[in-house]
Amino acid sequence: MNLHQRAHQLLASRGYQVRKHPGLHRQQRLISHQVDLVLDVGAAVGAYAKELRRFGYEGRIVSFEPLSAAFAMLRTASKSDPLWVAVNSALGDEDRETEINVAGNSDSSSLLPMLEAHRGVAPHANYVGVETIRVQRLDDAAGAEVRAAKRPFLKIDTQGFERDVLLGAKDSLPQVVGIEMELSFVPLYEGSMLADEAISHLYSLGFSLDGMEPGLRHPGTGQLLQADGLFFRQDDV
């Protein structure tokens, strides 16, 4: 038994579960599916794209973030990376200008009203204001990028607005080989899809669930409220 195996055995004997970092699993799947473009929808300050780079993804990234403060940090983070483009926009089912609810932690900002179930478990995420933003359809905002790519991948982290993002990507989705999307098991935003509807919808589009990473939990009960689902084309080897 080598040192690495002994360390795993020791941790397991003390009740710790040893598993790979989700970023490593994602990168392995991106490699196996030969992904050459990642559409990073709901990029915030760029943490997702930075993780892609940290685990070895070298292809093109297009990140979309509507909030001005978060976008300023995203643009700074992407500036030195010639294959990482930052776009100051939300994505939805139509081109328009609208107001987004700005959360205290920024990452929970949404175009949808936040429900009490969310406010109760994450009071730091309560809305503190609104900001006027631009919304575009993915087909319009990134259609040329998708057509130029061979095997694009779509990540959606839009706080309940996933259905609208997919509706605005009807022309692009047939070329997309994989999707990573936040799944909610309880209603957190008014009008959002729950996990069962989201998974069924993606299966109807030809994708199947490849993996799931636990996310937000109820701080008191430990109930899983959200997870990130990883999906790839059912007919893609």
C-alpha atoms as a PDB file:
ATOM      1  CA  MET A   1       0.000   0.000   0.000  1.00  0.00           C
ATOM      2  CA  ASN A   2       1.494   3.348  -1.021  1.00  0.00           C
ATOM      3  CA  LEU A   3       1.416   6.589   0.985  1.00  0.00           C
ATOM      4  CA  HIS A   4      -1.589   7.964  -0.922  1.00  0.00           C
ATOM      5  CA  GLN A   5      -3.626   4.820  -0.222  1.00  0.00           C
ATOM      6  CA  ARG A   6      -2.614   4.850   3.470  1.00  0.00           C
ATOM      7  CA  ALA A   7      -3.783   8.459   3.789  1.00  0.00           C
ATOM      8  CA  HIS A   8      -7.149   7.581   2.261  1.00  0.00           C
ATOM      9  CA  GLN A   9      -7.495   4.573   4.565  1.00  0.00           C
ATOM     10  CA  LEU A  10      -6.635   6.645   7.644  1.00  0.00           C
ATOM     11  CA  LEU A  11      -9.168   9.347   6.785  1.00  0.00           C
ATOM     12  CA  ALA A  12     -11.854   6.737   6.044  1.00  0.00           C
ATOM     13  CA  SER A  13     -11.205   5.036   9.410  1.00  0.00           C
ATOM     14  CA  ARG A  14     -11.911   8.364  11.121  1.00  0.00           C
ATOM     15  CA  GLY A  15     -15.229   8.854   9.349  1.00  0.00           C
ATOM     16  CA  TYR A  16     -14.134  11.132   6.525  1.00  0.00           C
ATOM     17  CA  GLN A  17     -15.366  10.533   2.984  1.00  0.00           C
ATOM     18  CA  VAL A  18     -12.578  10.966   0.479  1.00  0.00           C
ATOM     19  CA  ARG A  19     -13.706  11.958  -3.007  1.00  0.00           C
ATOM     20  CA  LYS A  20     -12.422  13.847  -5.984  1.00  0.00           C
ATOM     21  CA  HIS A  21     -12.949  17.591  -6.286  1.00  0.00           C
ATOM     22  CA  PRO A  22     -15.989  18.242  -8.546  1.00  0.00           C
ATOM     23  CA  GLY A  23     -13.805  20.444 -10.743  1.00  0.00           C
ATOM     24  CA  LEU A  24     -11.594  17.459 -11.519  1.00  0.00           C
ATOM     25  CA  HIS A  25     -14.566  15.262 -12.432  1.00  0.00           C
ATOM     26  CA  ARG A  26     -15.935  18.022 -14.662  1.00  0.00           C
ATOM     27  CA  GLN A  27     -12.598  18.434 -16.420  1.00  0.00           C
ATOM     28  CA  GLN A  28     -12.361  14.691 -17.042  1.00  0.00           C
ATOM     29  CA  ARG A  29     -15.798  14.783 -18.652  1.00  0.00           C
ATOM     30  CA  LEU A  30     -14.991  17.889 -20.715  1.00  0.00           C
ATOM     31  CA  ILE A  31     -11.917  16.098 -22.040  1.00  0.00           C
ATOM     32  CA  SER A  32     -13.784  12.878 -22.817  1.00  0.00           C
ATOM     33  CA  HIS A  33     -16.451  14.854 -24.700  1.00  0.00           C
ATOM     34  CA  GLN A  34     -13.814  17.001 -26.446  1.00  0.00           C
ATOM     35  CA  VAL A  35     -15.411  20.290 -25.364  1.00  0.00           C
ATOM     36  CA  ASP A  36     -13.869  23.327 -27.062  1.00  0.00           C
ATOM     37  CA  LEU A  37     -16.227  26.110 -25.876  1.00  0.00           C
ATOM     38  CA  VAL A  38     -17.789  26.732 -22.456  1.00  0.00           C
ATOM     39  CA  LEU A  39     -20.710  29.169 -22.230  1.00  0.00           C
ATOM     40  CA  ASP A  40     -20.603  30.405 -18.629  1.00  0.00           C
ATOM     41  CA  VAL A  41     -24.066  31.858 -17.966  1.00  0.00           C
ATOM     42  CA  GLY A  42     -24.344  33.608 -14.611  1.00  0.00           C
ATOM     43  CA  ALA A  43     -20.604  34.067 -14.243  1.00  0.00           C
ATOM     44  CA  ALA A  44     -20.605  36.403 -11.219  1.00  0.00           C
ATOM     45  CA  VAL A  45     -16.970  37.449 -10.642  1.00  0.00           C
ATOM     46  CA  GLY A  46     -15.482  34.556 -12.646  1.00  0.00           C
ATOM     47  CA  ALA A  47     -14.977  31.788 -10.078  1.00  0.00           C
ATOM     48  CA  TYR A  48     -16.339  29.068 -12.365  1.00  0.00           C
ATOM     49  CA  ALA A  49     -14.091  30.011 -15.268  1.00  0.00           C
ATOM     50  CA  LYS A  50     -11.087  30.257 -12.966  1.00  0.00           C
ATOM     51  CA  GLU A  51     -11.821  26.745 -11.702  1.00  0.00           C
ATOM     52  CA  LEU A  52     -12.020  25.486 -15.286  1.00  0.00           C
ATOM     53  CA  ARG A  53      -8.540  26.864 -15.921  1.00  0.00           C
ATOM     54  CA  ARG A  54      -7.187  25.560 -12.603  1.00  0.00           C
ATOM     55  CA  PHE A  55      -8.193  22.010 -13.500  1.00  0.00           C
ATOM     56  CA  GLY A  56      -6.744  22.181 -17.001  1.00  0.00           C
ATOM     57  CA  TYR A  57      -9.421  23.364 -19.440  1.00  0.00           C
ATOM     58  CA  GLU A  58      -7.630  25.310 -22.188  1.00  0.00           C
ATOM     59  CA  GLY A  59     -10.463  26.030 -24.630  1.00  0.00           C
ATOM     60  CA  ARG A  60     -12.582  29.118 -25.218  1.00  0.00           C
ATOM     61  CA  ILE A  61     -14.841  30.529 -22.468  1.00  0.00           C
ATOM     62  CA  VAL A  62     -17.615  33.108 -22.918  1.00  0.00           C
ATOM     63  CA  SER A  63     -18.878  34.392 -19.555  1.00  0.00           C
ATOM     64  CA  PHE A  64     -22.153  36.312 -19.123  1.00  0.00           C
ATOM     65  CA  GLU A  65     -22.793  38.468 -16.048  1.00  0.00           C
ATOM     66  CA  PRO A  66     -25.424  41.220 -15.838  1.00  0.00           C
ATOM     67  CA  LEU A  67     -24.531  43.025 -12.577  1.00  0.00           C
ATOM     68  CA  SER A  68     -22.186  45.969 -13.076  1.00  0.00           C
ATOM     69  CA  ALA A  69     -20.048  45.469  -9.947  1.00  0.00           C
ATOM     70  CA  ALA A  70     -19.615  41.736 -10.498  1.00  0.00           C
ATOM     71  CA  PHE A  71     -18.947  42.286 -14.199  1.00  0.00           C
ATOM     72  CA  ALA A  72     -16.172  44.780 -13.445  1.00  0.00           C
ATOM     73  CA  MET A  73     -14.394  42.074 -11.421  1.00  0.00           C
ATOM     74  CA  LEU A  74     -15.138  39.460 -14.096  1.00  0.00           C
ATOM     75  CA  ARG A  75     -13.678  41.660 -16.822  1.00  0.00           C
ATOM     76  CA  THR A  76     -10.525  42.223 -14.774  1.00  0.00           C
ATOM     77  CA  ALA A  77     -10.170  38.475 -14.154  1.00  0.00           C
ATOM     78  CA  SER A  78     -10.549  37.635 -17.849  1.00  0.00           C
ATOM     79  CA  LYS A  79      -8.412  40.444 -19.245  1.00  0.00           C
ATOM     80  CA  SER A  80      -5.145  38.484 -19.343  1.00  0.00           C
ATOM     81  CA  ASP A  81      -6.735  35.381 -20.881  1.00  0.00           C
ATOM     82  CA  PRO A  82      -7.146  35.729 -24.684  1.00  0.00           C
ATOM     83  CA  LEU A  83      -9.551  32.774 -24.832  1.00  0.00           C
ATOM     84  CA  TRP A  84     -11.865  34.089 -22.106  1.00  0.00           C
ATOM     85  CA  VAL A  85     -14.479  36.668 -23.153  1.00  0.00           C
ATOM     86  CA  ALA A  86     -16.691  38.557 -20.670  1.00  0.00           C
ATOM     87  CA  VAL A  87     -20.133  39.874 -21.701  1.00  0.00           C
ATOM     88  CA  ASN A  88     -22.154  42.303 -19.542  1.00  0.00           C
ATOM     89  CA  SER A  89     -25.579  40.746 -20.015  1.00  0.00           C
ATOM     90  CA  ALA A  90     -28.095  38.296 -18.624  1.00  0.00           C
ATOM     91  CA  LEU A  91     -29.544  35.593 -20.866  1.00  0.00           C
ATOM     92  CA  GLY A  92     -33.247  34.820 -21.248  1.00  0.00           C
ATOM     93  CA  ASP A  93     -36.003  34.060 -23.722  1.00  0.00           C
ATOM     94  CA  GLU A  94     -36.122  37.527 -25.336  1.00  0.00           C
ATOM     95  CA  ASP A  95     -33.997  40.633 -25.838  1.00  0.00           C
ATOM     96  CA  ARG A  96     -35.037  43.354 -23.413  1.00  0.00           C
ATOM     97  CA  GLU A  97     -34.019  45.765 -20.692  1.00  0.00           C
ATOM     98  CA  THR A  98     -35.317  44.977 -17.217  1.00  0.00           C
ATOM     99  CA  GLU A  99     -34.556  45.167 -13.505  1.00  0.00           C
ATOM    100  CA  ILE A 100     -32.753  42.455 -11.569  1.00  0.00           C
ATOM    101  CA  ASN A 101     -33.062  41.963  -7.820  1.00  0.00           C
ATOM    102  CA  VAL A 102     -29.625  42.475  -6.259  1.00  0.00           C
ATOM    103  CA  ALA A 103     -28.854  40.172  -3.330  1.00  0.00           C
ATOM    104  CA  GLY A 104     -26.692  41.008  -0.369  1.00  0.00           C
ATOM    105  CA  ASN A 105     -24.223  38.305  -1.411  1.00  0.00           C
ATOM    106  CA  SER A 106     -24.510  39.210  -5.146  1.00  0.00           C
ATOM    107  CA  ASP A 107     -24.401  35.535  -6.208  1.00  0.00           C
ATOM    108  CA  SER A 108     -28.086  35.051  -5.241  1.00  0.00           C
ATOM    109  CA  SER A 109     -29.275  37.980  -7.361  1.00  0.00           C
ATOM    110  CA  SER A 110     -32.153  36.990  -9.629  1.00  0.00           C
ATOM    111  CA  LEU A 111     -34.687  38.251 -12.125  1.00  0.00           C
ATOM    112  CA  LEU A 112     -37.275  36.347 -10.063  1.00  0.00           C
ATOM    113  CA  PRO A 113     -38.702  37.170  -6.618  1.00  0.00           C
ATOM    114  CA  MET A 114     -36.945  35.303  -3.798  1.00  0.00           C
ATOM    115  CA  LEU A 115     -39.195  33.094  -1.661  1.00  0.00           C
ATOM    116  CA  GLU A 116     -39.240  32.909   2.135  1.00  0.00           C
ATOM    117  CA  ALA A 117     -37.701  29.416   2.027  1.00  0.00           C
ATOM    118  CA  HIS A 118     -34.533  30.962   0.602  1.00  0.00           C
ATOM    119  CA  ARG A 119     -34.527  34.040   2.824  1.00  0.00           C
ATOM    120  CA  GLY A 120     -34.981  31.853   5.890  1.00  0.00           C
ATOM    121  CA  VAL A 121     -31.947  29.642   5.285  1.00  0.00           C
ATOM    122  CA  ALA A 122     -29.685  32.342   3.818  1.00  0.00           C
ATOM    123  CA  PRO A 123     -30.554  35.762   5.299  1.00  0.00           C
ATOM    124  CA  HIS A 124     -27.309  37.171   3.931  1.00  0.00           C
ATOM    125  CA  ALA A 125     -28.776  36.613   0.449  1.00  0.00           C
ATOM    126  CA  ASN A 126     -31.789  38.893   0.982  1.00  0.00           C
ATOM    127  CA  TYR A 127     -32.380  41.438  -1.739  1.00  0.00           C
ATOM    128  CA  VAL A 128     -30.904  44.866  -1.032  1.00  0.00           C
ATOM    129  CA  GLY A 129     -31.830  46.717  -4.225  1.00  0.00           C
ATOM    130  CA  VAL A 130     -32.466  46.547  -7.961  1.00  0.00           C
ATOM    131  CA  GLU A 131     -30.353  47.275 -11.023  1.00  0.00           C
ATOM    132  CA  THR A 132     -31.367  47.835 -14.635  1.00  0.00           C
ATOM    133  CA  ILE A 133     -29.719  45.277 -16.906  1.00  0.00           C
ATOM    134  CA  ARG A 134     -29.761  43.963 -20.444  1.00  0.00           C
ATOM    135  CA  VAL A 135     -31.180  40.525 -21.262  1.00  0.00           C
ATOM    136  CA  GLN A 136     -30.328  38.727 -24.521  1.00  0.00           C
ATOM    137  CA  ARG A 137     -31.176  35.392 -26.073  1.00  0.00           C
ATOM    138  CA  LEU A 138     -28.225  33.007 -26.107  1.00  0.00           C
ATOM    139  CA  ASP A 139     -28.897  32.373 -29.799  1.00  0.00           C
ATOM    140  CA  ASP A 140     -28.311  36.079 -30.478  1.00  0.00           C
ATOM    141  CA  ALA A 141     -25.565  36.783 -27.954  1.00  0.00           C
ATOM    142  CA  ALA A 142     -23.442  33.682 -28.611  1.00  0.00           C
ATOM    143  CA  GLY A 143     -24.873  32.052 -31.723  1.00  0.00           C
ATOM    144  CA  ALA A 144     -21.754  32.839 -33.751  1.00  0.00           C
ATOM    145  CA  GLU A 145     -19.521  31.379 -31.002  1.00  0.00           C
ATOM    146  CA  VAL A 146     -21.612  28.197 -30.896  1.00  0.00           C
ATOM    147  CA  ARG A 147     -21.545  27.796 -34.689  1.00  0.00           C
ATOM    148  CA  ALA A 148     -17.763  28.278 -34.737  1.00  0.00           C
ATOM    149  CA  ALA A 149     -17.224  25.636 -32.048  1.00  0.00           C
ATOM    150  CA  LYS A 150     -17.203  21.912 -32.625  1.00  0.00           C
ATOM    151  CA  ARG A 151     -18.412  20.747 -29.216  1.00  0.00           C
ATOM    152  CA  PRO A 152     -19.809  23.522 -26.969  1.00  0.00           C
ATOM    153  CA  PHE A 153     -20.804  23.100 -23.323  1.00  0.00           C
ATOM    154  CA  LEU A 154     -23.382  25.229 -21.489  1.00  0.00           C
ATOM    155  CA  LYS A 155     -23.248  26.098 -17.775  1.00  0.00           C
ATOM    156  CA  ILE A 156     -26.305  27.837 -16.276  1.00  0.00           C
ATOM    157  CA  ASP A 157     -26.274  29.363 -12.784  1.00  0.00           C
ATOM    158  CA  THR A 158     -29.080  31.930 -12.919  1.00  0.00           C
ATOM    159  CA  GLN A 159     -30.982  31.586  -9.635  1.00  0.00           C
ATOM    160  CA  GLY A 160     -34.237  30.140 -10.930  1.00  0.00           C
ATOM    161  CA  PHE A 161     -34.097  31.640 -14.433  1.00  0.00           C
ATOM    162  CA  GLU A 162     -32.849  28.457 -16.115  1.00  0.00           C
ATOM    163  CA  ARG A 163     -36.047  27.780 -18.084  1.00  0.00           C
ATOM    164  CA  ASP A 164     -35.834  31.191 -19.790  1.00  0.00           C
ATOM    165  CA  VAL A 165     -32.156  30.714 -20.659  1.00  0.00           C
ATOM    166  CA  LEU A 166     -32.973  27.408 -22.363  1.00  0.00           C
ATOM    167  CA  LEU A 167     -35.918  28.945 -24.249  1.00  0.00           C
ATOM    168  CA  GLY A 168     -33.575  31.567 -25.665  1.00  0.00           C
ATOM    169  CA  ALA A 169     -31.119  28.883 -26.821  1.00  0.00           C
ATOM    170  CA  LYS A 170     -33.365  26.765 -29.065  1.00  0.00           C
ATOM    171  CA  ASP A 171     -31.139  27.148 -32.120  1.00  0.00           C
ATOM    172  CA  SER A 172     -27.913  26.542 -30.194  1.00  0.00           C
ATOM    173  CA  LEU A 173     -28.917  23.573 -28.042  1.00  0.00           C
ATOM    174  CA  PRO A 174     -28.791  20.942 -30.825  1.00  0.00           C
ATOM    175  CA  GLN A 175     -25.032  21.571 -31.084  1.00  0.00           C
ATOM    176  CA  VAL A 176     -24.403  21.620 -27.319  1.00  0.00           C
ATOM    177  CA  VAL A 177     -22.889  18.356 -26.027  1.00  0.00           C
ATOM    178  CA  GLY A 178     -23.252  19.009 -22.305  1.00  0.00           C
ATOM    179  CA  ILE A 179     -25.015  21.188 -19.735  1.00  0.00           C
ATOM    180  CA  GLU A 180     -24.225  21.985 -16.121  1.00  0.00           C
ATOM    181  CA  MET A 181     -27.208  23.496 -14.328  1.00  0.00           C
ATOM    182  CA  GLU A 182     -28.251  24.362 -10.801  1.00  0.00           C
ATOM    183  CA  LEU A 183     -31.146  22.175  -9.628  1.00  0.00           C
ATOM    184  CA  SER A 184     -33.524  23.158  -6.809  1.00  0.00           C
ATOM    185  CA  PHE A 185     -35.352  20.520  -4.762  1.00  0.00           C
ATOM    186  CA  VAL A 186     -37.627  23.035  -3.003  1.00  0.00           C
ATOM    187  CA  PRO A 187     -39.064  26.327  -4.332  1.00  0.00           C
ATOM    188  CA  LEU A 188     -36.541  29.103  -3.683  1.00  0.00           C
ATOM    189  CA  TYR A 189     -37.500  31.619  -6.388  1.00  0.00           C
ATOM    190  CA  GLU A 190     -41.042  32.364  -7.576  1.00  0.00           C
ATOM    191  CA  GLY A 191     -41.772  30.682 -10.922  1.00  0.00           C
ATOM    192  CA  SER A 192     -38.542  28.668 -11.082  1.00  0.00           C
ATOM    193  CA  MET A 193     -38.243  25.047 -12.203  1.00  0.00           C
ATOM    194  CA  LEU A 194     -37.783  22.390  -9.574  1.00  0.00           C
ATOM    195  CA  ALA A 195     -35.289  19.577 -10.093  1.00  0.00           C
ATOM    196  CA  ASP A 196     -37.805  17.051 -11.417  1.00  0.00           C
ATOM    197  CA  GLU A 197     -39.067  19.426 -14.111  1.00  0.00           C
ATOM    198  CA  ALA A 198     -35.547  20.550 -15.015  1.00  0.00           C
ATOM    199  CA  ILE A 199     -34.210  17.004 -15.328  1.00  0.00           C
ATOM    200  CA  SER A 200     -37.237  15.864 -17.348  1.00  0.00           C
ATOM    201  CA  HIS A 201     -36.853  18.860 -19.651  1.00  0.00           C
ATOM    202  CA  LEU A 202     -33.176  18.160 -20.274  1.00  0.00           C
ATOM    203  CA  TYR A 203     -33.933  14.476 -20.938  1.00  0.00           C
ATOM    204  CA  SER A 204     -36.553  15.582 -23.494  1.00  0.00           C
ATOM    205  CA  LEU A 205     -33.796  17.578 -25.201  1.00  0.00           C
ATOM    206  CA  GLY A 206     -31.601  14.472 -25.479  1.00  0.00           C
ATOM    207  CA  PHE A 207     -29.408  14.863 -22.378  1.00  0.00           C
ATOM    208  CA  SER A 208     -28.963  12.454 -19.483  1.00  0.00           C
ATOM    209  CA  LEU A 209     -27.716  13.041 -15.947  1.00  0.00           C
ATOM    210  CA  ASP A 210     -23.979  12.331 -15.655  1.00  0.00           C
ATOM    211  CA  GLY A 211     -23.293  13.515 -12.116  1.00  0.00           C
ATOM    212  CA  MET A 212     -24.516  15.707  -9.282  1.00  0.00           C
ATOM    213  CA  GLU A 213     -22.700  17.873  -6.751  1.00  0.00           C
ATOM    214  CA  PRO A 214     -24.525  18.872  -3.513  1.00  0.00           C
ATOM    215  CA  GLY A 215     -24.952  22.603  -2.984  1.00  0.00           C
ATOM    216  CA  LEU A 216     -27.087  24.636  -0.589  1.00  0.00           C
ATOM    217  CA  ARG A 217     -28.336  22.815   2.517  1.00  0.00           C
ATOM    218  CA  HIS A 218     -30.711  23.879   5.256  1.00  0.00           C
ATOM    219  CA  PRO A 219     -28.391  25.019   8.072  1.00  0.00           C
ATOM    220  CA  GLY A 220     -30.635  23.532  10.757  1.00  0.00           C
ATOM    221  CA  THR A 221     -31.854  20.223   9.336  1.00  0.00           C
ATOM    222  CA  GLY A 222     -29.157  19.457   6.781  1.00  0.00           C
ATOM    223  CA  GLN A 223     -31.815  19.021   4.053  1.00  0.00           C
ATOM    224  CA  LEU A 224     -30.344  19.354   0.558  1.00  0.00           C
ATOM    225  CA  LEU A 225     -31.985  22.324  -1.159  1.00  0.00           C
ATOM    226  CA  GLN A 226     -29.888  22.677  -4.295  1.00  0.00           C
ATOM    227  CA  ALA A 227     -27.313  20.750  -6.303  1.00  0.00           C
ATOM    228  CA  ASP A 228     -25.392  21.213  -9.533  1.00  0.00           C
ATOM    229  CA  GLY A 229     -26.392  18.664 -12.162  1.00  0.00           C
ATOM    230  CA  LEU A 230     -24.027  17.636 -14.952  1.00  0.00           C
ATOM    231  CA  PHE A 231     -25.684  16.386 -18.160  1.00  0.00           C
ATOM    232  CA  PHE A 232     -24.335  15.088 -21.456  1.00  0.00           C
ATOM    233  CA  ARG A 233     -25.963  13.982 -24.699  1.00  0.00           C
ATOM    234  CA  GLN A 234     -27.439  10.503 -24.439  1.00  0.00           C
ATOM    235  CA  ASP A 235     -26.034   9.556 -27.853  1.00  0.00           C
ATOM    236  CA  ASP A 236     -22.603  11.145 -27.296  1.00  0.00           C
ATOM    237  CA  VAL A 237     -19.746   8.731 -26.589  1.00  0.00           C
END
